[in-house]
Protein backbone atom coordinates (compact mmCIF):
# COMPACT_ATOMS: atom_id res chain seq x y z
CA MET A 1 13.89 17.56 15.20
CA SER A 2 15.87 16.46 18.23
CA SER A 3 17.10 12.88 18.38
CA SER A 4 15.17 12.54 21.63
CA GLN A 5 11.84 13.47 20.09
CA SER A 6 9.03 11.04 19.35
CA ILE A 7 7.44 10.83 15.90
CA ASN A 8 3.67 11.02 15.57
CA CYS A 9 2.51 8.68 12.80
CA GLU A 10 -0.80 9.71 11.23
CA LEU A 11 -1.13 6.96 8.63
CA CYS A 12 -3.83 4.96 10.39
CA PRO A 13 -6.21 5.25 13.38
CA HIS A 14 -3.57 3.96 15.80
CA TYR A 15 -1.80 7.34 15.65
CA CYS A 16 1.35 5.74 17.01
CA LYS A 17 3.68 7.95 19.01
CA ILE A 18 7.00 6.37 18.08
CA LYS A 19 9.78 6.87 20.58
CA PRO A 20 13.44 7.07 19.47
CA GLY A 21 14.83 3.60 18.77
CA SER A 22 11.32 2.13 18.51
CA SER A 23 8.80 1.25 15.83
CA GLY A 24 5.06 1.76 15.58
CA LEU A 25 2.48 -0.97 16.02
CA CYS A 26 2.80 -2.19 12.42
CA LYS A 27 6.64 -2.36 12.70
CA THR A 28 7.11 -0.73 9.29
CA ARG A 29 7.87 2.76 10.63
CA PHE A 30 10.90 3.33 12.88
CA ASN A 31 12.21 6.34 14.79
CA ARG A 32 15.92 6.55 14.10
CA ASP A 33 17.44 9.45 16.02
CA GLY A 34 14.28 11.50 15.71
CA LYS A 35 13.79 10.83 11.99
CA LEU A 36 11.29 8.52 10.33
CA ASP A 37 12.96 5.43 8.87
CA LEU A 38 11.21 2.85 6.66
CA PRO A 39 13.18 -0.37 7.17
CA PHE A 40 10.74 -2.38 5.05
CA TYR A 41 10.60 0.02 2.09
CA GLY A 42 10.60 -2.18 -1.02
CA PHE A 43 10.62 -5.42 0.98
CA ILE A 44 8.42 -8.08 -0.62
CA THR A 45 7.62 -11.63 0.44
CA ALA A 46 6.30 -12.89 -2.90
CA LEU A 47 6.10 -12.10 -6.59
CA ALA A 48 3.89 -14.36 -8.68
CA ASN A 49 1.39 -14.42 -11.51
CA ASP A 50 -2.17 -15.15 -10.36
CA PRO A 51 -5.60 -15.38 -11.92
CA ILE A 52 -7.22 -12.06 -11.12
CA GLU A 53 -10.11 -14.02 -9.61
CA LYS A 54 -7.77 -15.12 -6.81
CA LYS A 55 -7.61 -11.58 -5.34
CA PRO A 56 -10.67 -12.04 -5.41
CA LEU A 57 -11.82 -9.74 -8.20
CA TYR A 58 -14.66 -11.20 -10.25
CA HIS A 59 -15.83 -8.10 -12.12
CA PHE A 60 -12.49 -6.54 -13.11
CA ARG A 61 -10.76 -7.86 -16.23
CA PRO A 62 -12.26 -11.37 -15.89
CA GLY A 63 -10.13 -14.29 -17.00
CA THR A 64 -6.87 -12.31 -17.03
CA GLN A 65 -3.62 -12.73 -15.13
CA ILE A 66 -2.21 -10.26 -12.62
CA LEU A 67 1.21 -9.94 -11.02
CA SER A 68 0.80 -10.29 -7.25
CA VAL A 69 3.27 -8.50 -5.00
CA GLY A 70 3.27 -9.82 -1.44
CA PHE A 71 4.22 -7.79 1.62
CA ALA A 72 4.92 -8.40 5.29
CA LEU A 73 3.33 -6.95 8.43
CA CYS A 74 -0.03 -5.32 9.13
CA ASN A 75 -1.68 -2.65 11.28
CA MET A 76 -4.31 -5.11 12.51
CA CYS A 77 -3.93 -8.21 14.66
CA CYS A 78 -6.92 -10.31 13.67
CA PRO A 79 -6.67 -13.44 15.84
CA PHE A 80 -8.08 -15.55 12.99
CA CYS A 81 -5.64 -14.19 10.39
CA GLN A 82 -5.11 -16.71 7.60
CA ASN A 83 -1.75 -15.11 6.64
CA TRP A 84 -0.34 -14.48 10.12
CA HIS A 85 3.03 -15.99 9.17
CA ILE A 86 3.76 -12.83 7.17
CA SER A 87 1.35 -10.30 8.67
CA GLN A 88 2.76 -10.66 12.19
CA ASN A 89 6.37 -11.55 11.45
CA THR A 90 9.27 -9.13 11.03
CA LYS A 91 11.50 -12.05 10.00
CA SER A 92 9.51 -13.19 6.97
CA PRO A 93 11.75 -14.36 4.13
CA GLY A 94 11.82 -12.04 1.16
CA ARG A 95 13.85 -9.51 -0.76
CA LYS A 96 13.90 -5.84 -1.68
CA ILE A 97 12.75 -4.49 -5.00
CA THR A 98 12.59 -1.00 -6.51
CA PRO A 99 9.51 0.50 -8.16
CA THR A 100 11.27 0.39 -11.53
CA GLU A 101 12.15 -3.28 -11.07
CA LEU A 102 8.52 -3.98 -10.22
CA VAL A 103 7.32 -2.29 -13.41
CA ASN A 104 9.78 -4.38 -15.41
CA ALA A 105 8.60 -7.53 -13.64
CA ALA A 106 5.00 -6.71 -14.52
CA LYS A 107 5.93 -6.36 -18.18
CA GLU A 108 7.95 -9.57 -18.10
CA HIS A 109 5.25 -11.63 -16.40
CA SER A 110 2.25 -10.35 -18.34
CA PRO A 111 0.96 -12.71 -21.05
CA ASP A 112 -1.04 -9.79 -22.50
CA LYS A 113 1.03 -6.61 -22.75
CA THR A 114 -2.12 -4.56 -23.32
CA GLN A 115 -3.55 -5.53 -19.91
CA LEU A 116 -0.68 -5.01 -17.49
CA ALA A 117 -1.85 -5.19 -13.88
CA VAL A 118 -0.26 -5.46 -10.45
CA ALA A 119 -1.95 -6.47 -7.18
CA TYR A 120 -0.51 -5.31 -3.85
CA THR A 121 -1.61 -8.13 -1.61
CA TYR A 122 -1.10 -11.13 0.73
CA SER A 123 -0.37 -9.06 3.85
CA GLU A 124 -1.44 -5.42 4.35
CA PRO A 125 0.02 -3.23 1.60
CA LEU A 126 -1.12 0.14 2.98
CA VAL A 127 1.35 0.09 5.87
CA HIS A 128 3.99 0.40 3.12
CA PHE A 129 2.36 3.63 2.01
CA GLU A 130 5.43 5.45 0.69
CA PHE A 131 6.58 2.48 -1.39
CA LEU A 132 3.07 1.99 -2.73
CA LEU A 133 2.82 5.61 -3.85
CA ASP A 134 6.13 5.30 -5.70
CA CYS A 135 5.20 1.98 -7.32
CA MET A 136 1.66 2.92 -8.26
CA ALA A 137 2.77 6.18 -9.87
CA GLU A 138 5.30 4.32 -12.03
CA MET A 139 2.73 1.65 -12.88
CA ARG A 140 0.25 4.30 -13.94
CA ARG A 141 2.88 5.89 -16.22
CA ALA A 142 3.58 2.45 -17.71
CA GLY A 143 -0.11 1.91 -18.46
CA ALA A 144 -0.56 -0.80 -15.83
CA ALA A 145 -3.60 -1.17 -13.59
CA ASN A 146 -3.07 -0.89 -9.82
CA VAL A 147 -5.05 -3.25 -7.58
CA LEU A 148 -5.13 -3.04 -3.79
CA VAL A 149 -6.13 -6.00 -1.62
CA THR A 150 -6.46 -4.33 1.74
CA ASN A 151 -8.09 -4.03 5.14
CA GLY A 152 -8.87 -0.40 4.29
CA CYS A 153 -7.58 0.79 7.64
CA VAL A 154 -5.88 4.12 6.85
CA ASN A 155 -6.91 7.67 7.59
CA LYS A 156 -8.65 9.88 5.03
CA LYS A 157 -5.63 11.83 3.78
CA ALA A 158 -3.63 8.68 3.03
CA ALA A 159 -6.70 6.99 1.57
CA ASN A 160 -7.28 9.86 -0.85
CA GLU A 161 -3.66 9.87 -2.01
CA ILE A 162 -3.46 6.16 -2.63
CA LEU A 163 -6.93 5.81 -4.18
CA ASN A 164 -6.07 8.47 -6.76
CA LEU A 165 -3.64 5.89 -8.19
CA ALA A 166 -5.83 2.79 -7.77
CA ASP A 167 -7.91 1.14 -10.48
CA ALA A 168 -9.51 -1.58 -8.36
CA VAL A 169 -9.66 -2.58 -4.70
CA ASN A 170 -10.84 -5.56 -2.75
CA VAL A 171 -11.46 -4.48 0.83
CA ASP A 172 -11.86 -6.81 3.80
CA LEU A 173 -15.01 -5.88 5.66
CA LYS A 174 -14.44 -8.11 8.68
CA CYS A 175 -17.87 -7.51 10.19
CA TYR A 176 -20.24 -4.64 10.90
CA SER A 177 -19.67 -4.33 14.62
CA GLU A 178 -17.77 -1.39 16.08
CA GLU A 179 -17.23 -3.44 19.23
CA THR A 180 -15.68 -6.37 17.35
CA TYR A 181 -13.44 -4.08 15.33
CA SER A 182 -12.32 -2.25 18.46
CA LYS A 183 -11.95 -5.09 20.99
CA THR A 184 -11.02 -8.05 18.77
CA LEU A 185 -9.27 -6.46 15.78
CA GLY A 186 -7.83 -3.39 17.45
CA VAL A 187 -9.03 -0.72 15.02
CA ASP A 188 -12.30 1.04 14.18
CA LEU A 189 -15.04 0.14 11.75
CA LYS A 190 -15.73 3.70 10.60
CA THR A 191 -12.25 4.07 9.07
CA VAL A 192 -12.84 0.99 6.91
CA LEU A 193 -16.29 2.16 5.83
CA ASN A 194 -14.84 5.57 4.94
CA PHE A 195 -12.17 3.89 2.80
CA ILE A 196 -14.77 1.87 0.91
CA GLU A 197 -16.99 4.90 0.40
CA SER A 198 -14.05 7.01 -0.80
CA ALA A 199 -12.89 4.37 -3.27
CA TYR A 200 -16.39 4.00 -4.71
CA ALA A 201 -16.92 7.78 -4.94
CA LYS A 202 -13.61 8.17 -6.83
CA GLY A 203 -14.72 5.65 -9.46
CA VAL A 204 -12.31 2.93 -8.35
CA HIS A 205 -13.70 -0.53 -8.99
CA VAL A 206 -14.68 -1.94 -5.58
CA GLU A 207 -15.23 -5.50 -4.40
CA ILE A 208 -15.60 -6.56 -0.77
CA THR A 209 -14.62 -9.75 1.05
CA THR A 210 -15.99 -10.95 4.38
CA LEU A 211 -14.37 -13.94 6.06
CA VAL A 212 -17.34 -15.68 7.69
CA VAL A 213 -16.17 -16.80 11.14
CA PRO A 214 -18.61 -18.97 13.12
CA GLY A 215 -19.62 -17.35 16.38
CA LEU A 216 -18.02 -14.03 15.49
CA ASN A 217 -19.77 -12.51 12.48
CA ASP A 218 -22.00 -15.22 11.01
CA SER A 219 -25.29 -14.24 12.64
CA THR A 220 -28.14 -13.17 10.38
CA ALA A 221 -28.26 -9.75 12.05
CA GLU A 222 -24.52 -9.17 11.62
CA LEU A 223 -24.43 -10.16 7.96
CA GLU A 224 -27.57 -8.17 7.28
CA LEU A 225 -25.76 -5.02 8.43
CA CYS A 226 -22.90 -5.72 6.01
CA ARG A 227 -25.39 -6.44 3.28
CA ASN A 228 -27.32 -3.21 3.89
CA PHE A 229 -24.14 -1.14 3.78
CA ILE A 230 -22.97 -2.60 0.47
CA SER A 231 -26.34 -2.56 -1.26
CA GLY A 232 -27.03 0.94 0.02
CA LEU A 233 -23.80 2.17 -1.56
CA GLU A 234 -23.87 0.50 -4.96
CA ILE A 235 -25.78 1.73 -7.97
CA GLN A 236 -27.06 -0.55 -10.73
CA GLU A 237 -24.51 0.56 -13.31
CA ASN A 238 -21.64 0.01 -10.88
CA PRO A 239 -22.22 -3.05 -8.66
CA ILE A 240 -20.05 -3.96 -5.66
CA PRO A 241 -19.52 -7.74 -5.67
CA TRP A 242 -19.48 -9.27 -2.19
CA HIS A 243 -17.29 -12.32 -1.56
CA LEU A 244 -18.26 -14.51 1.40
CA SER A 245 -15.18 -16.54 2.26
CA ALA A 246 -14.95 -19.67 4.40
CA TYR A 247 -12.79 -19.49 7.51
CA HIS A 248 -10.63 -22.29 8.91
CA PRO A 249 -8.96 -22.34 12.37
CA ASP A 250 -5.64 -20.53 12.34
CA TRP A 251 -3.25 -18.60 14.56
CA LYS A 252 -5.12 -17.75 17.79
CA TRP A 253 -8.68 -18.68 16.78
CA ASN A 254 -10.05 -22.17 17.18
CA ALA A 255 -13.71 -21.88 16.21
CA PRO A 256 -14.84 -24.68 13.88
CA SER A 257 -14.42 -24.10 10.15
CA THR A 258 -17.18 -22.50 8.13
CA THR A 259 -19.05 -25.35 6.46
CA PRO A 260 -19.75 -25.21 2.72
CA GLU A 261 -23.44 -25.74 3.49
CA SER A 262 -23.66 -22.76 5.83
CA LEU A 263 -21.73 -20.47 3.49
CA THR A 264 -23.87 -21.47 0.51
CA ARG A 265 -27.02 -20.90 2.57
CA ILE A 266 -25.85 -17.44 3.65
CA ALA A 267 -24.92 -16.50 0.08
CA GLY A 268 -28.28 -17.72 -1.16
CA HIS A 269 -30.07 -15.58 1.40
CA CYS A 270 -28.07 -12.48 0.43
CA LYS A 271 -28.12 -12.82 -3.36
CA GLY A 272 -29.79 -10.00 -5.20
CA ARG A 273 -28.91 -7.40 -2.58
CA PRO A 274 -26.12 -6.59 -3.25
CA ALA A 275 -26.49 -7.52 -6.88
CA TYR A 276 -23.65 -10.07 -6.91
CA VAL A 277 -22.73 -12.37 -4.02
CA TYR A 278 -20.09 -15.08 -4.34
CA THR A 279 -18.60 -17.80 -2.12
CA GLY A 280 -14.93 -18.63 -1.63
CA ASN A 281 -12.59 -21.15 0.04
CA ILE A 282 -15.02 -24.04 -0.31
CA ALA A 283 -14.79 -27.16 -2.46
CA ALA A 284 -16.58 -27.27 -5.80
CA GLU A 285 -17.69 -23.65 -5.51
CA LYS A 286 -19.79 -22.46 -8.43
CA ASN A 287 -19.80 -18.73 -9.03
CA ASP A 288 -21.29 -17.90 -12.40
CA THR A 289 -22.30 -14.42 -13.52
CA ALA A 290 -25.33 -14.23 -15.79
CA CYS A 291 -26.56 -11.44 -18.05
CA VAL A 292 -29.46 -9.64 -16.37
CA SER A 293 -31.05 -8.99 -19.78
CA CYS A 294 -31.06 -12.44 -21.42
CA GLY A 295 -29.73 -14.91 -18.83
CA ASN A 296 -26.66 -15.84 -20.85
CA ILE A 297 -23.74 -16.99 -18.66
CA LEU A 298 -21.22 -14.22 -19.06
CA VAL A 299 -18.50 -15.80 -16.94
CA SER A 300 -18.43 -19.35 -15.62
CA ARG A 301 -16.16 -19.99 -12.63
CA ARG A 302 -15.12 -23.26 -11.04
CA ALA A 303 -12.58 -22.23 -8.43
CA TYR A 304 -9.97 -20.49 -10.63
CA ARG A 305 -11.01 -22.19 -13.86
CA ILE A 306 -12.63 -19.40 -15.83
CA ASN A 307 -14.68 -19.40 -19.01
CA ALA A 308 -15.43 -15.86 -20.14
CA SER A 309 -16.69 -16.76 -23.60
CA GLY A 310 -20.06 -15.23 -22.76
CA LEU A 311 -18.43 -11.80 -22.95
CA THR A 312 -17.30 -9.63 -25.80
CA GLN A 313 -15.11 -6.60 -25.31
CA LYS A 314 -14.03 -3.48 -27.14
CA THR A 315 -11.89 -0.48 -26.30
CA GLU A 316 -13.34 3.03 -26.19
CA ASN A 317 -11.23 6.04 -25.22
CA GLY A 318 -8.59 3.71 -23.80
CA LYS A 319 -11.10 1.83 -21.61
CA ILE A 320 -12.27 -1.75 -21.98
CA ILE A 321 -16.05 -2.09 -22.46
CA TYR A 322 -17.65 -5.47 -21.79
CA CYS A 323 -20.90 -6.66 -23.35
CA CYS A 324 -22.97 -9.84 -23.39
CA ALA A 325 -21.96 -12.02 -26.34
CA SER A 326 -25.59 -13.09 -26.76
CA CYS A 327 -27.70 -9.92 -26.54
CA CYS A 328 -24.92 -7.28 -26.80
CA LYS A 329 -26.20 -5.44 -23.73
CA PRO A 330 -23.57 -3.87 -21.40
CA ALA A 331 -22.12 -6.30 -18.87
CA PRO A 332 -21.21 -5.44 -15.26
CA PHE A 333 -17.44 -5.70 -15.68
CA ARG A 334 -14.65 -3.15 -15.80
CA GLY A 335 -11.18 -3.13 -17.25
């Protein structure tokens, strides 16, 4: 390849044509003399133990801890981004880490060595595709679970590669409007829907988060479209929890905050279809999960204070099986 040639990036729907001496839209991919350079390979902005519920994942290894690995930059420019300090900033403070060092960190931080897990999160992990593949492969060999917290905005080939190494994902479904995705967020809705569908079809545990932004995606019609997509995809034995999260004004968006009352009302309207709907980012939120057979509270949640005493678990063929502690029927959780 000549040093004067552009590089065509096919990771996401932007299909950036990167000229020599320039980077693509997400800033993570650079054309250095006609060759692809990854200046942010291994660059992380945070490394911390979190409750797994903070991802949020409510039906995957409830009550456990997970090592969160934070990244910088993103291939979307949501004007209401709640993490824009790192998603839109090439100068974010951080450090570089190798995949092997990350595996060792996971082992060091885990209070339960039998349930190692790492979440790739905070900003958009998928724009660091090559690093993720390397890390997730090493994590899989070490027996650790890989969790992606993502906007789901990558093309099918990349999605298939990365999802083959994923155990759980939480995908941001910003809305169900092609126009909003295109004009406001700068990408396309179909790519995100394809990612969700692919993850679910591969047997990856899927949960979905929608940030409810007043005046943008909080109409009954808009949320009904999201609801229909999720409930139309899930099957009873494998539910897709839907997290409705409260927005607050940030970065370039000044709409009033989502009120707890409105979010609770929306969640109440949607509950039952999909099977599990939860609220987030509001005070005194109460998000319990009850057994559908006997009504026993399987998991009680008050923010990140978790009581999972309503569950029992056993291991079969290397997999964790959850059951109701009261009636012993299977519970809708995965491990």
